[in-house]
Amino acid sequence: MSEFKGTPGPWIVDEDFDVTTNDGRVVAWTALGVFEHEETISNAQLIAAAPDLLEACQRARNQFYAAGYEPKAGSMNPTECLLAQLIAAISKATGE
């Protein structure tokens, strides 16, 4: 399993609705003025939450593994299905 190699969090939405680190390094620029204002702000907020979401997914995955669950996409067991979804999201975030 690979780890996230991008800019470490936390990330915030600054006054221009760009996503930055606490020390001002830009993680993502928004297209404020190109898209609807509300949509742009929502996109920036989701991007800013990404490091926290990734960490939560990784911790949940580890807890499910520790409890003995196996991932099974489409399973009738909601925990197996959720574990498969967590693994897919983590893989997408880490580029696996």
PDB file of N, CA and C in Angstrom:
ATOM      1  N   MET A   1       0.842  -1.174   0.000  1.00  0.00           N
ATOM      2  CA  MET A   1       0.000   0.000   0.000  1.00  0.00           C
ATOM      3  C   MET A   1       0.887   1.237   0.000  1.00  0.00           C
ATOM      4  N   SER A   2       0.629   2.140  -0.911  1.00  0.00           N
ATOM      5  CA  SER A   2       1.444   3.341  -0.970  1.00  0.00           C
ATOM      6  C   SER A   2       0.819   4.455  -0.137  1.00  0.00           C
ATOM      7  N   GLU A   3       1.666   5.362   0.257  1.00  0.00           N
ATOM      8  CA  GLU A   3       1.227   6.513   1.040  1.00  0.00           C
ATOM      9  C   GLU A   3       1.044   7.712   0.122  1.00  0.00           C
ATOM     10  N   PHE A   4       0.303   8.677   0.594  1.00  0.00           N
ATOM     11  CA  PHE A   4       0.078   9.917  -0.135  1.00  0.00           C
ATOM     12  C   PHE A   4       1.396  10.675  -0.228  1.00  0.00           C
ATOM     13  N   LYS A   5       1.770  11.087  -1.429  1.00  0.00           N
ATOM     14  CA  LYS A   5       3.050  11.746  -1.657  1.00  0.00           C
ATOM     15  C   LYS A   5       2.902  13.246  -1.927  1.00  0.00           C
ATOM     16  N   GLY A   6       1.693  13.757  -1.808  1.00  0.00           N
ATOM     17  CA  GLY A   6       1.436  15.164  -2.088  1.00  0.00           C
ATOM     18  C   GLY A   6       1.756  16.068  -0.909  1.00  0.00           C
ATOM     19  N   THR A   7       1.288  17.281  -0.998  1.00  0.00           N
ATOM     20  CA  THR A   7       1.499  18.276   0.044  1.00  0.00           C
ATOM     21  C   THR A   7       0.789  17.849   1.320  1.00  0.00           C
ATOM     22  N   PRO A   8       1.517  17.787   2.436  1.00  0.00           N
ATOM     23  CA  PRO A   8       0.866  17.381   3.676  1.00  0.00           C
ATOM     24  C   PRO A   8      -0.181  18.395   4.124  1.00  0.00           C
ATOM     25  N   GLY A   9      -1.230  17.881   4.762  1.00  0.00           N
ATOM     26  CA  GLY A   9      -2.268  18.748   5.305  1.00  0.00           C
ATOM     27  C   GLY A   9      -1.814  19.337   6.621  1.00  0.00           C
ATOM     28  N   PRO A  10      -2.606  20.155   7.253  1.00  0.00           N
ATOM     29  CA  PRO A  10      -3.969  20.486   6.832  1.00  0.00           C
ATOM     30  C   PRO A  10      -3.978  21.515   5.706  1.00  0.00           C
ATOM     31  N   TRP A  11      -5.055  21.483   4.948  1.00  0.00           N
ATOM     32  CA  TRP A  11      -5.277  22.451   3.890  1.00  0.00           C
ATOM     33  C   TRP A  11      -6.457  23.318   4.285  1.00  0.00           C
ATOM     34  N   ILE A  12      -6.439  24.562   3.827  1.00  0.00           N
ATOM     35  CA  ILE A  12      -7.521  25.498   4.141  1.00  0.00           C
ATOM     36  C   ILE A  12      -7.977  26.210   2.871  1.00  0.00           C
ATOM     37  N   VAL A  13      -9.147  26.792   2.931  1.00  0.00           N
ATOM     38  CA  VAL A  13      -9.643  27.639   1.846  1.00  0.00           C
ATOM     39  C   VAL A  13      -9.321  29.072   2.245  1.00  0.00           C
ATOM     40  N   ASP A  14      -8.524  29.763   1.428  1.00  0.00           N
ATOM     41  CA  ASP A  14      -8.127  31.128   1.784  1.00  0.00           C
ATOM     42  C   ASP A  14      -9.172  32.145   1.342  1.00  0.00           C
ATOM     43  N   GLU A  15      -8.862  33.414   1.527  1.00  0.00           N
ATOM     44  CA  GLU A  15      -9.823  34.489   1.229  1.00  0.00           C
ATOM     45  C   GLU A  15     -10.170  34.595  -0.250  1.00  0.00           C
ATOM     46  N   ASP A  16      -9.316  34.051  -1.135  1.00  0.00           N
ATOM     47  CA  ASP A  16      -9.586  34.039  -2.572  1.00  0.00           C
ATOM     48  C   ASP A  16     -10.253  32.734  -3.006  1.00  0.00           C
ATOM     49  N   PHE A  17     -10.571  31.876  -2.031  1.00  0.00           N
ATOM     50  CA  PHE A  17     -11.181  30.568  -2.263  1.00  0.00           C
ATOM     51  C   PHE A  17     -10.234  29.612  -2.977  1.00  0.00           C
ATOM     52  N   ASP A  18      -8.920  29.853  -2.838  1.00  0.00           N
ATOM     53  CA  ASP A  18      -7.922  28.887  -3.281  1.00  0.00           C
ATOM     54  C   ASP A  18      -7.627  27.975  -2.098  1.00  0.00           C
ATOM     55  N   VAL A  19      -7.110  26.797  -2.373  1.00  0.00           N
ATOM     56  CA  VAL A  19      -6.774  25.853  -1.311  1.00  0.00           C
ATOM     57  C   VAL A  19      -5.276  25.984  -1.043  1.00  0.00           C
ATOM     58  N   THR A  20      -4.936  26.247   0.219  1.00  0.00           N
ATOM     59  CA  THR A  20      -3.545  26.461   0.602  1.00  0.00           C
ATOM     60  C   THR A  20      -3.219  25.682   1.878  1.00  0.00           C
ATOM     61  N   THR A  21      -1.927  25.618   2.169  1.00  0.00           N
ATOM     62  CA  THR A  21      -1.500  25.080   3.457  1.00  0.00           C
ATOM     63  C   THR A  21      -1.569  26.219   4.467  1.00  0.00           C
ATOM     64  N   ASN A  22      -1.394  25.894   5.725  1.00  0.00           N
ATOM     65  CA  ASN A  22      -1.431  26.936   6.761  1.00  0.00           C
ATOM     66  C   ASN A  22      -0.343  27.988   6.561  1.00  0.00           C
ATOM     67  N   ASP A  23       0.772  27.610   5.924  1.00  0.00           N
ATOM     68  CA  ASP A  23       1.851  28.568   5.697  1.00  0.00           C
ATOM     69  C   ASP A  23       1.742  29.265   4.338  1.00  0.00           C
ATOM     70  N   GLY A  24       0.597  29.102   3.644  1.00  0.00           N
ATOM     71  CA  GLY A  24       0.324  29.857   2.430  1.00  0.00           C
ATOM     72  C   GLY A  24       0.725  29.205   1.127  1.00  0.00           C
ATOM     73  N   ARG A  25       1.257  27.978   1.150  1.00  0.00           N
ATOM     74  CA  ARG A  25       1.588  27.303  -0.106  1.00  0.00           C
ATOM     75  C   ARG A  25       0.294  26.892  -0.801  1.00  0.00           C
ATOM     76  N   VAL A  26       0.191  27.198  -2.083  1.00  0.00           N
ATOM     77  CA  VAL A  26      -1.031  26.896  -2.832  1.00  0.00           C
ATOM     78  C   VAL A  26      -1.058  25.419  -3.205  1.00  0.00           C
ATOM     79  N   VAL A  27      -2.177  24.771  -2.878  1.00  0.00           N
ATOM     80  CA  VAL A  27      -2.404  23.375  -3.244  1.00  0.00           C
ATOM     81  C   VAL A  27      -3.244  23.316  -4.507  1.00  0.00           C
ATOM     82  N   ALA A  28      -4.262  24.181  -4.600  1.00  0.00           N
ATOM     83  CA  ALA A  28      -5.146  24.215  -5.766  1.00  0.00           C
ATOM     84  C   ALA A  28      -5.734  25.610  -5.926  1.00  0.00           C
ATOM     85  N   TRP A  29      -5.773  26.069  -7.167  1.00  0.00           N
ATOM     86  CA  TRP A  29      -6.419  27.334  -7.471  1.00  0.00           C
ATOM     87  C   TRP A  29      -7.845  27.046  -7.901  1.00  0.00           C
ATOM     88  N   THR A  30      -8.748  27.893  -7.485  1.00  0.00           N
ATOM     89  CA  THR A  30     -10.125  27.760  -7.945  1.00  0.00           C
ATOM     90  C   THR A  30     -10.331  28.646  -9.159  1.00  0.00           C
ATOM     91  N   ALA A  31     -11.425  28.427  -9.822  1.00  0.00           N
ATOM     92  CA  ALA A  31     -11.753  29.212 -11.014  1.00  0.00           C
ATOM     93  C   ALA A  31     -12.873  30.190 -10.669  1.00  0.00           C
ATOM     94  N   LEU A  32     -12.695  30.919  -9.586  1.00  0.00           N
ATOM     95  CA  LEU A  32     -13.710  31.866  -9.162  1.00  0.00           C
ATOM     96  C   LEU A  32     -13.955  32.869 -10.286  1.00  0.00           C
ATOM     97  N   GLY A  33     -15.192  33.041 -10.656  1.00  0.00           N
ATOM     98  CA  GLY A  33     -15.543  33.915 -11.759  1.00  0.00           C
ATOM     99  C   GLY A  33     -15.824  33.130 -13.028  1.00  0.00           C
ATOM    100  N   VAL A  34     -15.258  31.934 -13.138  1.00  0.00           N
ATOM    101  CA  VAL A  34     -15.501  31.096 -14.304  1.00  0.00           C
ATOM    102  C   VAL A  34     -16.746  30.251 -14.084  1.00  0.00           C
ATOM    103  N   PHE A  35     -16.878  29.731 -12.885  1.00  0.00           N
ATOM    104  CA  PHE A  35     -18.024  28.908 -12.535  1.00  0.00           C
ATOM    105  C   PHE A  35     -18.891  29.654 -11.530  1.00  0.00           C
ATOM    106  N   GLU A  36     -20.005  29.075 -11.205  1.00  0.00           N
ATOM    107  CA  GLU A  36     -20.866  29.662 -10.189  1.00  0.00           C
ATOM    108  C   GLU A  36     -20.084  29.795  -8.887  1.00  0.00           C
ATOM    109  N   HIS A  37     -20.266  30.907  -8.214  1.00  0.00           N
ATOM    110  CA  HIS A  37     -19.547  31.193  -6.977  1.00  0.00           C
ATOM    111  C   HIS A  37     -19.746  30.090  -5.942  1.00  0.00           C
ATOM    112  N   GLU A  38     -20.985  29.678  -5.710  1.00  0.00           N
ATOM    113  CA  GLU A  38     -21.285  28.653  -4.707  1.00  0.00           C
ATOM    114  C   GLU A  38     -20.620  27.321  -5.066  1.00  0.00           C
ATOM    115  N   GLU A  39     -20.628  26.973  -6.345  1.00  0.00           N
ATOM    116  CA  GLU A  39     -20.002  25.733  -6.803  1.00  0.00           C
ATOM    117  C   GLU A  39     -18.492  25.771  -6.570  1.00  0.00           C
ATOM    118  N   THR A  40     -17.869  26.889  -6.868  1.00  0.00           N
ATOM    119  CA  THR A  40     -16.429  27.032  -6.690  1.00  0.00           C
ATOM    120  C   THR A  40     -16.045  26.910  -5.224  1.00  0.00           C
ATOM    121  N   ILE A  41     -16.800  27.544  -4.355  1.00  0.00           N
ATOM    122  CA  ILE A  41     -16.523  27.463  -2.924  1.00  0.00           C
ATOM    123  C   ILE A  41     -16.682  26.027  -2.431  1.00  0.00           C
ATOM    124  N   SER A  42     -17.734  25.355  -2.874  1.00  0.00           N
ATOM    125  CA  SER A  42     -17.953  23.962  -2.477  1.00  0.00           C
ATOM    126  C   SER A  42     -16.819  23.068  -2.951  1.00  0.00           C
ATOM    127  N   ASN A  43     -16.348  23.283  -4.173  1.00  0.00           N
ATOM    128  CA  ASN A  43     -15.230  22.496  -4.695  1.00  0.00           C
ATOM    129  C   ASN A  43     -13.973  22.732  -3.851  1.00  0.00           C
ATOM    130  N   ALA A  44     -13.708  23.991  -3.524  1.00  0.00           N
ATOM    131  CA  ALA A  44     -12.531  24.317  -2.715  1.00  0.00           C
ATOM    132  C   ALA A  44     -12.619  23.674  -1.333  1.00  0.00           C
ATOM    133  N   GLN A  45     -13.795  23.687  -0.738  1.00  0.00           N
ATOM    134  CA  GLN A  45     -13.966  23.087   0.589  1.00  0.00           C
ATOM    135  C   GLN A  45     -13.721  21.582   0.553  1.00  0.00           C
ATOM    136  N   LEU A  46     -14.195  20.917  -0.499  1.00  0.00           N
ATOM    137  CA  LEU A  46     -13.971  19.475  -0.632  1.00  0.00           C
ATOM    138  C   LEU A  46     -12.486  19.178  -0.812  1.00  0.00           C
ATOM    139  N   ILE A  47     -11.814  19.946  -1.641  1.00  0.00           N
ATOM    140  CA  ILE A  47     -10.380  19.751  -1.849  1.00  0.00           C
ATOM    141  C   ILE A  47      -9.624  19.960  -0.536  1.00  0.00           C
ATOM    142  N   ALA A  48      -9.992  21.002   0.206  1.00  0.00           N
ATOM    143  CA  ALA A  48      -9.314  21.291   1.470  1.00  0.00           C
ATOM    144  C   ALA A  48      -9.505  20.175   2.490  1.00  0.00           C
ATOM    145  N   ALA A  49     -10.615  19.471   2.415  1.00  0.00           N
ATOM    146  CA  ALA A  49     -10.890  18.379   3.353  1.00  0.00           C
ATOM    147  C   ALA A  49     -10.178  17.080   2.974  1.00  0.00           C
ATOM    148  N   ALA A  50      -9.586  17.009   1.791  1.00  0.00           N
ATOM    149  CA  ALA A  50      -9.005  15.764   1.278  1.00  0.00           C
ATOM    150  C   ALA A  50      -8.000  15.104   2.222  1.00  0.00           C
ATOM    151  N   PRO A  51      -7.033  15.818   2.800  1.00  0.00           N
ATOM    152  CA  PRO A  51      -6.095  15.123   3.693  1.00  0.00           C
ATOM    153  C   PRO A  51      -6.792  14.490   4.902  1.00  0.00           C
ATOM    154  N   ASP A  52      -7.777  15.183   5.461  1.00  0.00           N
ATOM    155  CA  ASP A  52      -8.516  14.654   6.609  1.00  0.00           C
ATOM    156  C   ASP A  52      -9.348  13.441   6.207  1.00  0.00           C
ATOM    157  N   LEU A  53      -9.972  13.522   5.040  1.00  0.00           N
ATOM    158  CA  LEU A  53     -10.778  12.398   4.557  1.00  0.00           C
ATOM    159  C   LEU A  53      -9.912  11.170   4.286  1.00  0.00           C
ATOM    160  N   LEU A  54      -8.744  11.385   3.688  1.00  0.00           N
ATOM    161  CA  LEU A  54      -7.838  10.272   3.418  1.00  0.00           C
ATOM    162  C   LEU A  54      -7.396   9.614   4.721  1.00  0.00           C
ATOM    163  N   GLU A  55      -7.026  10.412   5.695  1.00  0.00           N
ATOM    164  CA  GLU A  55      -6.605   9.849   6.979  1.00  0.00           C
ATOM    165  C   GLU A  55      -7.736   9.062   7.639  1.00  0.00           C
ATOM    166  N   ALA A  56      -8.946   9.593   7.595  1.00  0.00           N
ATOM    167  CA  ALA A  56     -10.090   8.894   8.188  1.00  0.00           C
ATOM    168  C   ALA A  56     -10.348   7.567   7.468  1.00  0.00           C
ATOM    169  N   CYS A  57     -10.250   7.566   6.151  1.00  0.00           N
ATOM    170  CA  CYS A  57     -10.442   6.330   5.384  1.00  0.00           C
ATOM    171  C   CYS A  57      -9.373   5.300   5.736  1.00  0.00           C
ATOM    172  N   GLN A  58      -8.130   5.734   5.849  1.00  0.00           N
ATOM    173  CA  GLN A  58      -7.047   4.817   6.177  1.00  0.00           C
ATOM    174  C   GLN A  58      -7.233   4.232   7.583  1.00  0.00           C
ATOM    175  N   ARG A  59      -7.638   5.069   8.527  1.00  0.00           N
ATOM    176  CA  ARG A  59      -7.840   4.580   9.886  1.00  0.00           C
ATOM    177  C   ARG A  59      -9.010   3.599   9.951  1.00  0.00           C
ATOM    178  N   ALA A  60     -10.089   3.902   9.244  1.00  0.00           N
ATOM    179  CA  ALA A  60     -11.243   2.994   9.223  1.00  0.00           C
ATOM    180  C   ALA A  60     -10.866   1.672   8.578  1.00  0.00           C
ATOM    181  N   ARG A  61     -10.149   1.736   7.447  1.00  0.00           N
ATOM    182  CA  ARG A  61      -9.681   0.511   6.775  1.00  0.00           C
ATOM    183  C   ARG A  61      -8.869  -0.346   7.730  1.00  0.00           C
ATOM    184  N   ASN A  62      -7.941   0.272   8.437  1.00  0.00           N
ATOM    185  CA  ASN A  62      -7.084  -0.472   9.364  1.00  0.00           C
ATOM    186  C   ASN A  62      -7.895  -1.112  10.488  1.00  0.00           C
ATOM    187  N   GLN A  63      -8.915  -0.417  10.962  1.00  0.00           N
ATOM    188  CA  GLN A  63      -9.759  -0.972  12.022  1.00  0.00           C
ATOM    189  C   GLN A  63     -10.564  -2.160  11.519  1.00  0.00           C
ATOM    190  N   PHE A  64     -11.082  -2.064  10.308  1.00  0.00           N
ATOM    191  CA  PHE A  64     -11.828  -3.187   9.734  1.00  0.00           C
ATOM    192  C   PHE A  64     -10.923  -4.400   9.534  1.00  0.00           C
ATOM    193  N   TYR A  65      -9.706  -4.167   9.045  1.00  0.00           N
ATOM    194  CA  TYR A  65      -8.761  -5.277   8.893  1.00  0.00           C
ATOM    195  C   TYR A  65      -8.449  -5.895  10.252  1.00  0.00           C
ATOM    196  N   ALA A  66      -8.216  -5.046  11.264  1.00  0.00           N
ATOM    197  CA  ALA A  66      -7.896  -5.544  12.605  1.00  0.00           C
ATOM    198  C   ALA A  66      -9.041  -6.371  13.183  1.00  0.00           C
ATOM    199  N   ALA A  67     -10.268  -6.042  12.781  1.00  0.00           N
ATOM    200  CA  ALA A  67     -11.439  -6.781  13.254  1.00  0.00           C
ATOM    201  C   ALA A  67     -11.679  -8.055  12.442  1.00  0.00           C
ATOM    202  N   GLY A  68     -10.865  -8.290  11.425  1.00  0.00           N
ATOM    203  CA  GLY A  68     -10.958  -9.521  10.661  1.00  0.00           C
ATOM    204  C   GLY A  68     -11.839  -9.473   9.422  1.00  0.00           C
ATOM    205  N   TYR A  69     -12.269  -8.293   9.013  1.00  0.00           N
ATOM    206  CA  TYR A  69     -13.111  -8.186   7.817  1.00  0.00           C
ATOM    207  C   TYR A  69     -12.272  -8.262   6.554  1.00  0.00           C
ATOM    208  N   GLU A  70     -12.871  -8.776   5.510  1.00  0.00           N
ATOM    209  CA  GLU A  70     -12.272  -8.825   4.180  1.00  0.00           C
ATOM    210  C   GLU A  70     -13.117  -7.960   3.248  1.00  0.00           C
ATOM    211  N   PRO A  71     -12.485  -7.238   2.326  1.00  0.00           N
ATOM    212  CA  PRO A  71     -13.254  -6.397   1.406  1.00  0.00           C
ATOM    213  C   PRO A  71     -13.979  -7.221   0.356  1.00  0.00           C
ATOM    214  N   LYS A  72     -15.236  -6.905   0.128  1.00  0.00           N
ATOM    215  CA  LYS A  72     -16.022  -7.564  -0.911  1.00  0.00           C
ATOM    216  C   LYS A  72     -16.996  -6.541  -1.488  1.00  0.00           C
ATOM    217  N   ALA A  73     -16.651  -6.001  -2.649  1.00  0.00           N
ATOM    218  CA  ALA A  73     -17.529  -5.039  -3.309  1.00  0.00           C
ATOM    219  C   ALA A  73     -18.852  -5.709  -3.649  1.00  0.00           C
ATOM    220  N   GLY A  74     -19.943  -5.040  -3.368  1.00  0.00           N
ATOM    221  CA  GLY A  74     -21.264  -5.563  -3.694  1.00  0.00           C
ATOM    222  C   GLY A  74     -21.781  -6.599  -2.715  1.00  0.00           C
ATOM    223  N   SER A  75     -21.059  -6.818  -1.633  1.00  0.00           N
ATOM    224  CA  SER A  75     -21.478  -7.810  -0.644  1.00  0.00           C
ATOM    225  C   SER A  75     -22.763  -7.361   0.052  1.00  0.00           C
ATOM    226  N   MET A  76     -23.536  -8.325   0.489  1.00  0.00           N
ATOM    227  CA  MET A  76     -24.719  -8.016   1.288  1.00  0.00           C
ATOM    228  C   MET A  76     -24.324  -7.619   2.713  1.00  0.00           C
ATOM    229  N   ASN A  77     -23.092  -7.925   3.099  1.00  0.00           N
ATOM    230  CA  ASN A  77     -22.568  -7.495   4.396  1.00  0.00           C
ATOM    231  C   ASN A  77     -22.085  -6.055   4.235  1.00  0.00           C
ATOM    232  N   PRO A  78     -22.732  -5.094   4.885  1.00  0.00           N
ATOM    233  CA  PRO A  78     -22.376  -3.693   4.673  1.00  0.00           C
ATOM    234  C   PRO A  78     -20.934  -3.362   5.070  1.00  0.00           C
ATOM    235  N   THR A  79     -20.382  -4.059   6.036  1.00  0.00           N
ATOM    236  CA  THR A  79     -19.010  -3.780   6.450  1.00  0.00           C
ATOM    237  C   THR A  79     -18.022  -4.226   5.383  1.00  0.00           C
ATOM    238  N   GLU A  80     -18.235  -5.386   4.792  1.00  0.00           N
ATOM    239  CA  GLU A  80     -17.361  -5.859   3.712  1.00  0.00           C
ATOM    240  C   GLU A  80     -17.428  -4.919   2.510  1.00  0.00           C
ATOM    241  N   CYS A  81     -18.631  -4.479   2.202  1.00  0.00           N
ATOM    242  CA  CYS A  81     -18.835  -3.565   1.078  1.00  0.00           C
ATOM    243  C   CYS A  81     -18.179  -2.207   1.357  1.00  0.00           C
ATOM    244  N   LEU A  82     -18.350  -1.714   2.581  1.00  0.00           N
ATOM    245  CA  LEU A  82     -17.738  -0.441   2.967  1.00  0.00           C
ATOM    246  C   LEU A  82     -16.220  -0.537   2.918  1.00  0.00           C
ATOM    247  N   LEU A  83     -15.666  -1.626   3.381  1.00  0.00           N
ATOM    248  CA  LEU A  83     -14.215  -1.809   3.336  1.00  0.00           C
ATOM    249  C   LEU A  83     -13.709  -1.769   1.896  1.00  0.00           C
ATOM    250  N   ALA A  84     -14.412  -2.398   0.987  1.00  0.00           N
ATOM    251  CA  ALA A  84     -14.028  -2.347  -0.426  1.00  0.00           C
ATOM    252  C   ALA A  84     -14.086  -0.917  -0.953  1.00  0.00           C
ATOM    253  N   GLN A  85     -15.099  -0.168  -0.543  1.00  0.00           N
ATOM    254  CA  GLN A  85     -15.233   1.228  -0.962  1.00  0.00           C
ATOM    255  C   GLN A  85     -14.103   2.076  -0.385  1.00  0.00           C
ATOM    256  N   LEU A  86     -13.746   1.848   0.861  1.00  0.00           N
ATOM    257  CA  LEU A  86     -12.632   2.574   1.478  1.00  0.00           C
ATOM    258  C   LEU A  86     -11.328   2.305   0.731  1.00  0.00           C
ATOM    259  N   ILE A  87     -11.090   1.053   0.408  1.00  0.00           N
ATOM    260  CA  ILE A  87      -9.858   0.690  -0.300  1.00  0.00           C
ATOM    261  C   ILE A  87      -9.806   1.361  -1.669  1.00  0.00           C
ATOM    262  N   ALA A  88     -10.931   1.400  -2.368  1.00  0.00           N
ATOM    263  CA  ALA A  88     -10.980   2.049  -3.687  1.00  0.00           C
ATOM    264  C   ALA A  88     -10.705   3.548  -3.564  1.00  0.00           C
ATOM    265  N   ALA A  89     -11.266   4.186  -2.548  1.00  0.00           N
ATOM    266  CA  ALA A  89     -11.056   5.623  -2.358  1.00  0.00           C
ATOM    267  C   ALA A  89      -9.602   5.921  -1.997  1.00  0.00           C
ATOM    268  N   ILE A  90      -9.015   5.108  -1.133  1.00  0.00           N
ATOM    269  CA  ILE A  90      -7.622   5.284  -0.753  1.00  0.00           C
ATOM    270  C   ILE A  90      -6.710   5.091  -1.968  1.00  0.00           C
ATOM    271  N   SER A  91      -6.992   4.069  -2.762  1.00  0.00           N
ATOM    272  CA  SER A  91      -6.197   3.821  -3.968  1.00  0.00           C
ATOM    273  C   SER A  91      -6.280   4.994  -4.934  1.00  0.00           C
ATOM    274  N   LYS A  92      -7.454   5.555  -5.087  1.00  0.00           N
ATOM    275  CA  LYS A  92      -7.635   6.715  -5.972  1.00  0.00           C
ATOM    276  C   LYS A  92      -6.836   7.918  -5.452  1.00  0.00           C
ATOM    277  N   ALA A  93      -6.870   8.119  -4.136  1.00  0.00           N
ATOM    278  CA  ALA A  93      -6.179   9.261  -3.545  1.00  0.00           C
ATOM    279  C   ALA A  93      -4.660   9.115  -3.580  1.00  0.00           C
ATOM    280  N   THR A  94      -4.178   7.876  -3.498  1.00  0.00           N
ATOM    281  CA  THR A  94      -2.724   7.659  -3.461  1.00  0.00           C
ATOM    282  C   THR A  94      -2.141   7.279  -4.812  1.00  0.00           C
ATOM    283  N   GLY A  95      -2.999   7.166  -5.826  1.00  0.00           N
ATOM    284  CA  GLY A  95      -2.511   6.859  -7.168  1.00  0.00           C
ATOM    285  C   GLY A  95      -2.144   5.411  -7.398  1.00  0.00           C
ATOM    286  N   GLU A  96      -2.696   4.522  -6.612  1.00  0.00           N
ATOM    287  CA  GLU A  96      -2.407   3.079  -6.781  1.00  0.00           C
ATOM    288  C   GLU A  96      -3.151   2.529  -7.967  1.00  0.00           C
TER     289      GLU A  96
END
